[in-house]
Amino acid sequence: AVNLAQEQNKYVFFVDRSANKIEIRNAIEELFNVKVLAVNTMNVKGKKKRVGRYEGLTPMRKKAIVTLNEGDK
């Protein structure tokens, strides 16, 4: 994520699974006072975890990769 931020001006956030790209764009622009050029999203599956003989999954999450305008950080 550090290379994305330094070289391509992209930042990675975990967001609410029900949020869409427009909602993510508006939230980032309002919270950080920057101009968002693009938002790419992906759903991240939960991983299998065990505690003794009990097996479960970590929660599914949504990852957003946000591309900012040149000059914004």
PDB file of N, CA and C in Angstrom:
ATOM      1  N   ALA A   1       0.823  -1.193   0.000  1.00  0.00           N
ATOM      2  CA  ALA A   1       0.000   0.000   0.000  1.00  0.00           C
ATOM      3  C   ALA A   1       0.865   1.254   0.000  1.00  0.00           C
ATOM      4  N   VAL A   2       2.058   1.169   0.578  1.00  0.00           N
ATOM      5  CA  VAL A   2       2.933   2.339   0.611  1.00  0.00           C
ATOM      6  C   VAL A   2       3.396   2.685  -0.797  1.00  0.00           C
ATOM      7  N   ASN A   3       3.755   1.679  -1.602  1.00  0.00           N
ATOM      8  CA  ASN A   3       4.175   1.943  -2.971  1.00  0.00           C
ATOM      9  C   ASN A   3       3.048   2.547  -3.789  1.00  0.00           C
ATOM     10  N   LEU A   4       1.818   2.056  -3.615  1.00  0.00           N
ATOM     11  CA  LEU A   4       0.681   2.629  -4.329  1.00  0.00           C
ATOM     12  C   LEU A   4       0.529   4.104  -3.990  1.00  0.00           C
ATOM     13  N   ALA A   5       0.658   4.446  -2.719  1.00  0.00           N
ATOM     14  CA  ALA A   5       0.482   5.830  -2.288  1.00  0.00           C
ATOM     15  C   ALA A   5       1.582   6.718  -2.850  1.00  0.00           C
ATOM     16  N   GLN A   6       2.809   6.251  -2.816  1.00  0.00           N
ATOM     17  CA  GLN A   6       3.931   7.075  -3.246  1.00  0.00           C
ATOM     18  C   GLN A   6       4.009   7.202  -4.760  1.00  0.00           C
ATOM     19  N   GLU A   7       3.804   6.115  -5.477  1.00  0.00           N
ATOM     20  CA  GLU A   7       4.035   6.121  -6.916  1.00  0.00           C
ATOM     21  C   GLU A   7       2.791   6.460  -7.729  1.00  0.00           C
ATOM     22  N   GLN A   8       1.617   5.963  -7.309  1.00  0.00           N
ATOM     23  CA  GLN A   8       0.426   6.111  -8.138  1.00  0.00           C
ATOM     24  C   GLN A   8      -0.659   6.953  -7.484  1.00  0.00           C
ATOM     25  N   ASN A   9      -0.398   7.492  -6.285  1.00  0.00           N
ATOM     26  CA  ASN A   9      -1.360   8.325  -5.570  1.00  0.00           C
ATOM     27  C   ASN A   9      -2.666   7.578  -5.286  1.00  0.00           C
ATOM     28  N   LYS A  10      -2.550   6.286  -4.920  1.00  0.00           N
ATOM     29  CA  LYS A  10      -3.701   5.453  -4.583  1.00  0.00           C
ATOM     30  C   LYS A  10      -3.626   5.069  -3.110  1.00  0.00           C
ATOM     31  N   TYR A  11      -4.790   5.054  -2.462  1.00  0.00           N
ATOM     32  CA  TYR A  11      -4.867   4.728  -1.045  1.00  0.00           C
ATOM     33  C   TYR A  11      -5.906   3.637  -0.831  1.00  0.00           C
ATOM     34  N   VAL A  12      -5.654   2.745   0.128  1.00  0.00           N
ATOM     35  CA  VAL A  12      -6.508   1.581   0.363  1.00  0.00           C
ATOM     36  C   VAL A  12      -7.266   1.764   1.676  1.00  0.00           C
ATOM     37  N   PHE A  13      -8.581   1.516   1.634  1.00  0.00           N
ATOM     38  CA  PHE A  13      -9.445   1.610   2.809  1.00  0.00           C
ATOM     39  C   PHE A  13     -10.312   0.366   2.882  1.00  0.00           C
ATOM     40  N   PHE A  14     -10.617  -0.086   4.101  1.00  0.00           N
ATOM     41  CA  PHE A  14     -11.666  -1.081   4.288  1.00  0.00           C
ATOM     42  C   PHE A  14     -12.937  -0.305   4.602  1.00  0.00           C
ATOM     43  N   VAL A  15     -13.994  -0.578   3.848  1.00  0.00           N
ATOM     44  CA  VAL A  15     -15.237   0.184   3.963  1.00  0.00           C
ATOM     45  C   VAL A  15     -16.392  -0.758   4.285  1.00  0.00           C
ATOM     46  N   ASP A  16     -17.540  -0.179   4.605  1.00  0.00           N
ATOM     47  CA  ASP A  16     -18.745  -0.960   4.859  1.00  0.00           C
ATOM     48  C   ASP A  16     -19.104  -1.767   3.615  1.00  0.00           C
ATOM     49  N   ARG A  17     -19.522  -3.022   3.818  1.00  0.00           N
ATOM     50  CA  ARG A  17     -19.791  -3.909   2.680  1.00  0.00           C
ATOM     51  C   ARG A  17     -20.950  -3.438   1.824  1.00  0.00           C
ATOM     52  N   SER A  18     -21.847  -2.636   2.377  1.00  0.00           N
ATOM     53  CA  SER A  18     -22.993  -2.176   1.597  1.00  0.00           C
ATOM     54  C   SER A  18     -22.725  -0.854   0.882  1.00  0.00           C
ATOM     55  N   ALA A  19     -21.564  -0.239   1.108  1.00  0.00           N
ATOM     56  CA  ALA A  19     -21.248   1.052   0.484  1.00  0.00           C
ATOM     57  C   ALA A  19     -20.943   0.857  -0.996  1.00  0.00           C
ATOM     58  N   ASN A  20     -21.433   1.794  -1.824  1.00  0.00           N
ATOM     59  CA  ASN A  20     -21.104   1.742  -3.249  1.00  0.00           C
ATOM     60  C   ASN A  20     -20.019   2.774  -3.563  1.00  0.00           C
ATOM     61  N   LYS A  21     -19.567   2.805  -4.811  1.00  0.00           N
ATOM     62  CA  LYS A  21     -18.434   3.656  -5.179  1.00  0.00           C
ATOM     63  C   LYS A  21     -18.744   5.139  -4.995  1.00  0.00           C
ATOM     64  N   ILE A  22     -19.969   5.542  -5.291  1.00  0.00           N
ATOM     65  CA  ILE A  22     -20.340   6.951  -5.157  1.00  0.00           C
ATOM     66  C   ILE A  22     -20.320   7.364  -3.687  1.00  0.00           C
ATOM     67  N   GLU A  23     -20.853   6.520  -2.812  1.00  0.00           N
ATOM     68  CA  GLU A  23     -20.843   6.820  -1.379  1.00  0.00           C
ATOM     69  C   GLU A  23     -19.418   6.883  -0.843  1.00  0.00           C
ATOM     70  N   ILE A  24     -18.563   5.977  -1.304  1.00  0.00           N
ATOM     71  CA  ILE A  24     -17.160   5.969  -0.871  1.00  0.00           C
ATOM     72  C   ILE A  24     -16.471   7.244  -1.329  1.00  0.00           C
ATOM     73  N   ARG A  25     -16.680   7.631  -2.589  1.00  0.00           N
ATOM     74  CA  ARG A  25     -16.079   8.857  -3.138  1.00  0.00           C
ATOM     75  C   ARG A  25     -16.500  10.075  -2.315  1.00  0.00           C
ATOM     76  N   ASN A  26     -17.800  10.210  -2.054  1.00  0.00           N
ATOM     77  CA  ASN A  26     -18.300  11.368  -1.301  1.00  0.00           C
ATOM     78  C   ASN A  26     -17.735  11.402   0.114  1.00  0.00           C
ATOM     79  N   ALA A  27     -17.650  10.250   0.770  1.00  0.00           N
ATOM     80  CA  ALA A  27     -17.135  10.196   2.137  1.00  0.00           C
ATOM     81  C   ALA A  27     -15.660  10.590   2.189  1.00  0.00           C
ATOM     82  N   ILE A  28     -14.849  10.062   1.268  1.00  0.00           N
ATOM     83  CA  ILE A  28     -13.408  10.372   1.254  1.00  0.00           C
ATOM     84  C   ILE A  28     -13.187  11.850   0.967  1.00  0.00           C
ATOM     85  N   GLU A  29     -13.919  12.401  -0.010  1.00  0.00           N
ATOM     86  CA  GLU A  29     -13.754  13.819  -0.347  1.00  0.00           C
ATOM     87  C   GLU A  29     -14.141  14.715   0.824  1.00  0.00           C
ATOM     88  N   GLU A  30     -15.195  14.344   1.549  1.00  0.00           N
ATOM     89  CA  GLU A  30     -15.646  15.161   2.671  1.00  0.00           C
ATOM     90  C   GLU A  30     -14.719  15.034   3.879  1.00  0.00           C
ATOM     91  N   LEU A  31     -14.296  13.798   4.196  1.00  0.00           N
ATOM     92  CA  LEU A  31     -13.466  13.578   5.383  1.00  0.00           C
ATOM     93  C   LEU A  31     -12.066  14.159   5.245  1.00  0.00           C
ATOM     94  N   PHE A  32     -11.452  13.979   4.071  1.00  0.00           N
ATOM     95  CA  PHE A  32     -10.042  14.340   3.909  1.00  0.00           C
ATOM     96  C   PHE A  32      -9.829  15.587   3.061  1.00  0.00           C
ATOM     97  N   ASN A  33     -10.913  16.200   2.543  1.00  0.00           N
ATOM     98  CA  ASN A  33     -10.829  17.426   1.747  1.00  0.00           C
ATOM     99  C   ASN A  33      -9.881  17.263   0.555  1.00  0.00           C
ATOM    100  N   VAL A  34     -10.097  16.200  -0.231  1.00  0.00           N
ATOM    101  CA  VAL A  34      -9.302  15.909  -1.420  1.00  0.00           C
ATOM    102  C   VAL A  34     -10.239  15.665  -2.596  1.00  0.00           C
ATOM    103  N   LYS A  35      -9.681  15.600  -3.812  1.00  0.00           N
ATOM    104  CA  LYS A  35     -10.448  15.306  -5.022  1.00  0.00           C
ATOM    105  C   LYS A  35     -10.167  13.873  -5.431  1.00  0.00           C
ATOM    106  N   VAL A  36     -11.215  13.045  -5.493  1.00  0.00           N
ATOM    107  CA  VAL A  36     -11.085  11.633  -5.858  1.00  0.00           C
ATOM    108  C   VAL A  36     -11.299  11.487  -7.358  1.00  0.00           C
ATOM    109  N   LEU A  37     -10.345  10.840  -8.041  1.00  0.00           N
ATOM    110  CA  LEU A  37     -10.469  10.594  -9.478  1.00  0.00           C
ATOM    111  C   LEU A  37     -11.176   9.284  -9.774  1.00  0.00           C
ATOM    112  N   ALA A  38     -10.887   8.234  -8.999  1.00  0.00           N
ATOM    113  CA  ALA A  38     -11.473   6.916  -9.270  1.00  0.00           C
ATOM    114  C   ALA A  38     -11.552   6.113  -7.981  1.00  0.00           C
ATOM    115  N   VAL A  39     -12.520   5.191  -7.958  1.00  0.00           N
ATOM    116  CA  VAL A  39     -12.679   4.267  -6.833  1.00  0.00           C
ATOM    117  C   VAL A  39     -12.809   2.860  -7.401  1.00  0.00           C
ATOM    118  N   ASN A  40     -11.945   1.957  -6.966  1.00  0.00           N
ATOM    119  CA  ASN A  40     -12.038   0.544  -7.329  1.00  0.00           C
ATOM    120  C   ASN A  40     -12.346  -0.232  -6.060  1.00  0.00           C
ATOM    121  N   THR A  41     -13.288  -1.179  -6.149  1.00  0.00           N
ATOM    122  CA  THR A  41     -13.667  -1.944  -4.965  1.00  0.00           C
ATOM    123  C   THR A  41     -13.512  -3.431  -5.220  1.00  0.00           C
ATOM    124  N   MET A  42     -13.333  -4.164  -4.124  1.00  0.00           N
ATOM    125  CA  MET A  42     -13.291  -5.624  -4.202  1.00  0.00           C
ATOM    126  C   MET A  42     -13.797  -6.185  -2.887  1.00  0.00           C
ATOM    127  N   ASN A  43     -14.465  -7.324  -2.966  1.00  0.00           N
ATOM    128  CA  ASN A  43     -14.925  -8.019  -1.773  1.00  0.00           C
ATOM    129  C   ASN A  43     -13.852  -9.011  -1.352  1.00  0.00           C
ATOM    130  N   VAL A  44     -13.455  -8.959  -0.081  1.00  0.00           N
ATOM    131  CA  VAL A  44     -12.409  -9.821   0.453  1.00  0.00           C
ATOM    132  C   VAL A  44     -13.079 -10.908   1.284  1.00  0.00           C
ATOM    133  N   LYS A  45     -12.861 -12.162   0.915  1.00  0.00           N
ATOM    134  CA  LYS A  45     -13.445 -13.286   1.641  1.00  0.00           C
ATOM    135  C   LYS A  45     -12.856 -13.393   3.038  1.00  0.00           C
ATOM    136  N   GLY A  46     -13.650 -13.927   3.962  1.00  0.00           N
ATOM    137  CA  GLY A  46     -13.154 -14.197   5.304  1.00  0.00           C
ATOM    138  C   GLY A  46     -12.213 -15.390   5.291  1.00  0.00           C
ATOM    139  N   LYS A  47     -11.280 -15.412   6.237  1.00  0.00           N
ATOM    140  CA  LYS A  47     -10.327 -16.512   6.328  1.00  0.00           C
ATOM    141  C   LYS A  47     -10.786 -17.510   7.382  1.00  0.00           C
ATOM    142  N   LYS A  48     -10.418 -18.770   7.182  1.00  0.00           N
ATOM    143  CA  LYS A  48     -10.745 -19.795   8.171  1.00  0.00           C
ATOM    144  C   LYS A  48      -9.838 -19.643   9.386  1.00  0.00           C
ATOM    145  N   LYS A  49     -10.450 -19.687  10.566  1.00  0.00           N
ATOM    146  CA  LYS A  49      -9.707 -19.616  11.824  1.00  0.00           C
ATOM    147  C   LYS A  49     -10.220 -20.711  12.740  1.00  0.00           C
ATOM    148  N   ARG A  50      -9.328 -21.195  13.614  1.00  0.00           N
ATOM    149  CA  ARG A  50      -9.702 -22.245  14.565  1.00  0.00           C
ATOM    150  C   ARG A  50      -9.350 -21.816  15.973  1.00  0.00           C
ATOM    151  N   VAL A  51     -10.201 -22.210  16.909  1.00  0.00           N
ATOM    152  CA  VAL A  51      -9.896 -22.119  18.331  1.00  0.00           C
ATOM    153  C   VAL A  51     -10.167 -23.504  18.884  1.00  0.00           C
ATOM    154  N   GLY A  52      -9.101 -24.254  19.116  1.00  0.00           N
ATOM    155  CA  GLY A  52      -9.267 -25.645  19.540  1.00  0.00           C
ATOM    156  C   GLY A  52      -9.929 -26.448  18.436  1.00  0.00           C
ATOM    157  N   ARG A  53     -11.033 -27.096  18.757  1.00  0.00           N
ATOM    158  CA  ARG A  53     -11.702 -27.898  17.735  1.00  0.00           C
ATOM    159  C   ARG A  53     -12.801 -27.119  17.014  1.00  0.00           C
ATOM    160  N   TYR A  54     -13.015 -25.862  17.396  1.00  0.00           N
ATOM    161  CA  TYR A  54     -14.064 -25.049  16.788  1.00  0.00           C
ATOM    162  C   TYR A  54     -13.489 -24.233  15.636  1.00  0.00           C
ATOM    163  N   GLU A  55     -14.143 -24.334  14.503  1.00  0.00           N
ATOM    164  CA  GLU A  55     -13.673 -23.646  13.311  1.00  0.00           C
ATOM    165  C   GLU A  55     -14.673 -22.566  12.936  1.00  0.00           C
ATOM    166  N   GLY A  56     -14.173 -21.455  12.471  1.00  0.00           N
ATOM    167  CA  GLY A  56     -15.047 -20.368  12.044  1.00  0.00           C
ATOM    168  C   GLY A  56     -14.366 -19.538  10.976  1.00  0.00           C
ATOM    169  N   LEU A  57     -15.021 -18.468  10.584  1.00  0.00           N
ATOM    170  CA  LEU A  57     -14.488 -17.575   9.564  1.00  0.00           C
ATOM    171  C   LEU A  57     -14.368 -16.164  10.126  1.00  0.00           C
ATOM    172  N   THR A  58     -13.339 -15.437   9.688  1.00  0.00           N
ATOM    173  CA  THR A  58     -13.303 -14.013   9.967  1.00  0.00           C
ATOM    174  C   THR A  58     -14.337 -13.361   9.051  1.00  0.00           C
ATOM    175  N   PRO A  59     -14.830 -12.189   9.389  1.00  0.00           N
ATOM    176  CA  PRO A  59     -15.884 -11.580   8.576  1.00  0.00           C
ATOM    177  C   PRO A  59     -15.393 -11.194   7.183  1.00  0.00           C
ATOM    178  N   MET A  60     -16.316 -11.247   6.213  1.00  0.00           N
ATOM    179  CA  MET A  60     -16.008 -10.738   4.879  1.00  0.00           C
ATOM    180  C   MET A  60     -15.908  -9.221   4.969  1.00  0.00           C
ATOM    181  N   ARG A  61     -15.051  -8.621   4.102  1.00  0.00           N
ATOM    182  CA  ARG A  61     -14.871  -7.175   4.111  1.00  0.00           C
ATOM    183  C   ARG A  61     -14.863  -6.660   2.682  1.00  0.00           C
ATOM    184  N   LYS A  62     -15.022  -5.363   2.531  1.00  0.00           N
ATOM    185  CA  LYS A  62     -14.907  -4.720   1.228  1.00  0.00           C
ATOM    186  C   LYS A  62     -13.710  -3.785   1.281  1.00  0.00           C
ATOM    187  N   LYS A  63     -12.850  -3.883   0.270  1.00  0.00           N
ATOM    188  CA  LYS A  63     -11.664  -3.045   0.173  1.00  0.00           C
ATOM    189  C   LYS A  63     -11.881  -2.041  -0.951  1.00  0.00           C
ATOM    190  N   ALA A  64     -11.550  -0.781  -0.695  1.00  0.00           N
ATOM    191  CA  ALA A  64     -11.667   0.268  -1.702  1.00  0.00           C
ATOM    192  C   ALA A  64     -10.285   0.848  -1.965  1.00  0.00           C
ATOM    193  N   ILE A  65      -9.899   0.894  -3.246  1.00  0.00           N
ATOM    194  CA  ILE A  65      -8.651   1.541  -3.656  1.00  0.00           C
ATOM    195  C   ILE A  65      -9.046   2.862  -4.303  1.00  0.00           C
ATOM    196  N   VAL A  66      -8.645   3.965  -3.664  1.00  0.00           N
ATOM    197  CA  VAL A  66      -9.074   5.296  -4.076  1.00  0.00           C
ATOM    198  C   VAL A  66      -7.905   6.013  -4.737  1.00  0.00           C
ATOM    199  N   THR A  67      -8.116   6.488  -5.974  1.00  0.00           N
ATOM    200  CA  THR A  67      -7.110   7.259  -6.698  1.00  0.00           C
ATOM    201  C   THR A  67      -7.412   8.733  -6.509  1.00  0.00           C
ATOM    202  N   LEU A  68      -6.418   9.478  -6.006  1.00  0.00           N
ATOM    203  CA  LEU A  68      -6.600  10.900  -5.739  1.00  0.00           C
ATOM    204  C   LEU A  68      -6.026  11.745  -6.861  1.00  0.00           C
ATOM    205  N   ASN A  69      -6.495  12.984  -6.935  1.00  0.00           N
ATOM    206  CA  ASN A  69      -5.992  13.957  -7.892  1.00  0.00           C
ATOM    207  C   ASN A  69      -4.511  14.231  -7.613  1.00  0.00           C
ATOM    208  N   GLU A  70      -3.767  14.547  -8.642  1.00  0.00           N
ATOM    209  CA  GLU A  70      -2.339  14.849  -8.494  1.00  0.00           C
ATOM    210  C   GLU A  70      -2.164  16.013  -7.526  1.00  0.00           C
ATOM    211  N   GLY A  71      -1.272  15.865  -6.566  1.00  0.00           N
ATOM    212  CA  GLY A  71      -1.030  16.912  -5.582  1.00  0.00           C
ATOM    213  C   GLY A  71      -1.755  16.703  -4.268  1.00  0.00           C
ATOM    214  N   ASP A  72      -2.784  15.853  -4.241  1.00  0.00           N
ATOM    215  CA  ASP A  72      -3.500  15.548  -2.998  1.00  0.00           C
ATOM    216  C   ASP A  72      -2.836  14.380  -2.297  1.00  0.00           C
ATOM    217  N   LYS A  73      -2.882  14.398  -0.958  1.00  0.00           N
ATOM    218  CA  LYS A  73      -2.339  13.295  -0.164  1.00  0.00           C
ATOM    219  C   LYS A  73      -3.358  12.893   0.860  1.00  0.00           C
TER     220      LYS A  73
END
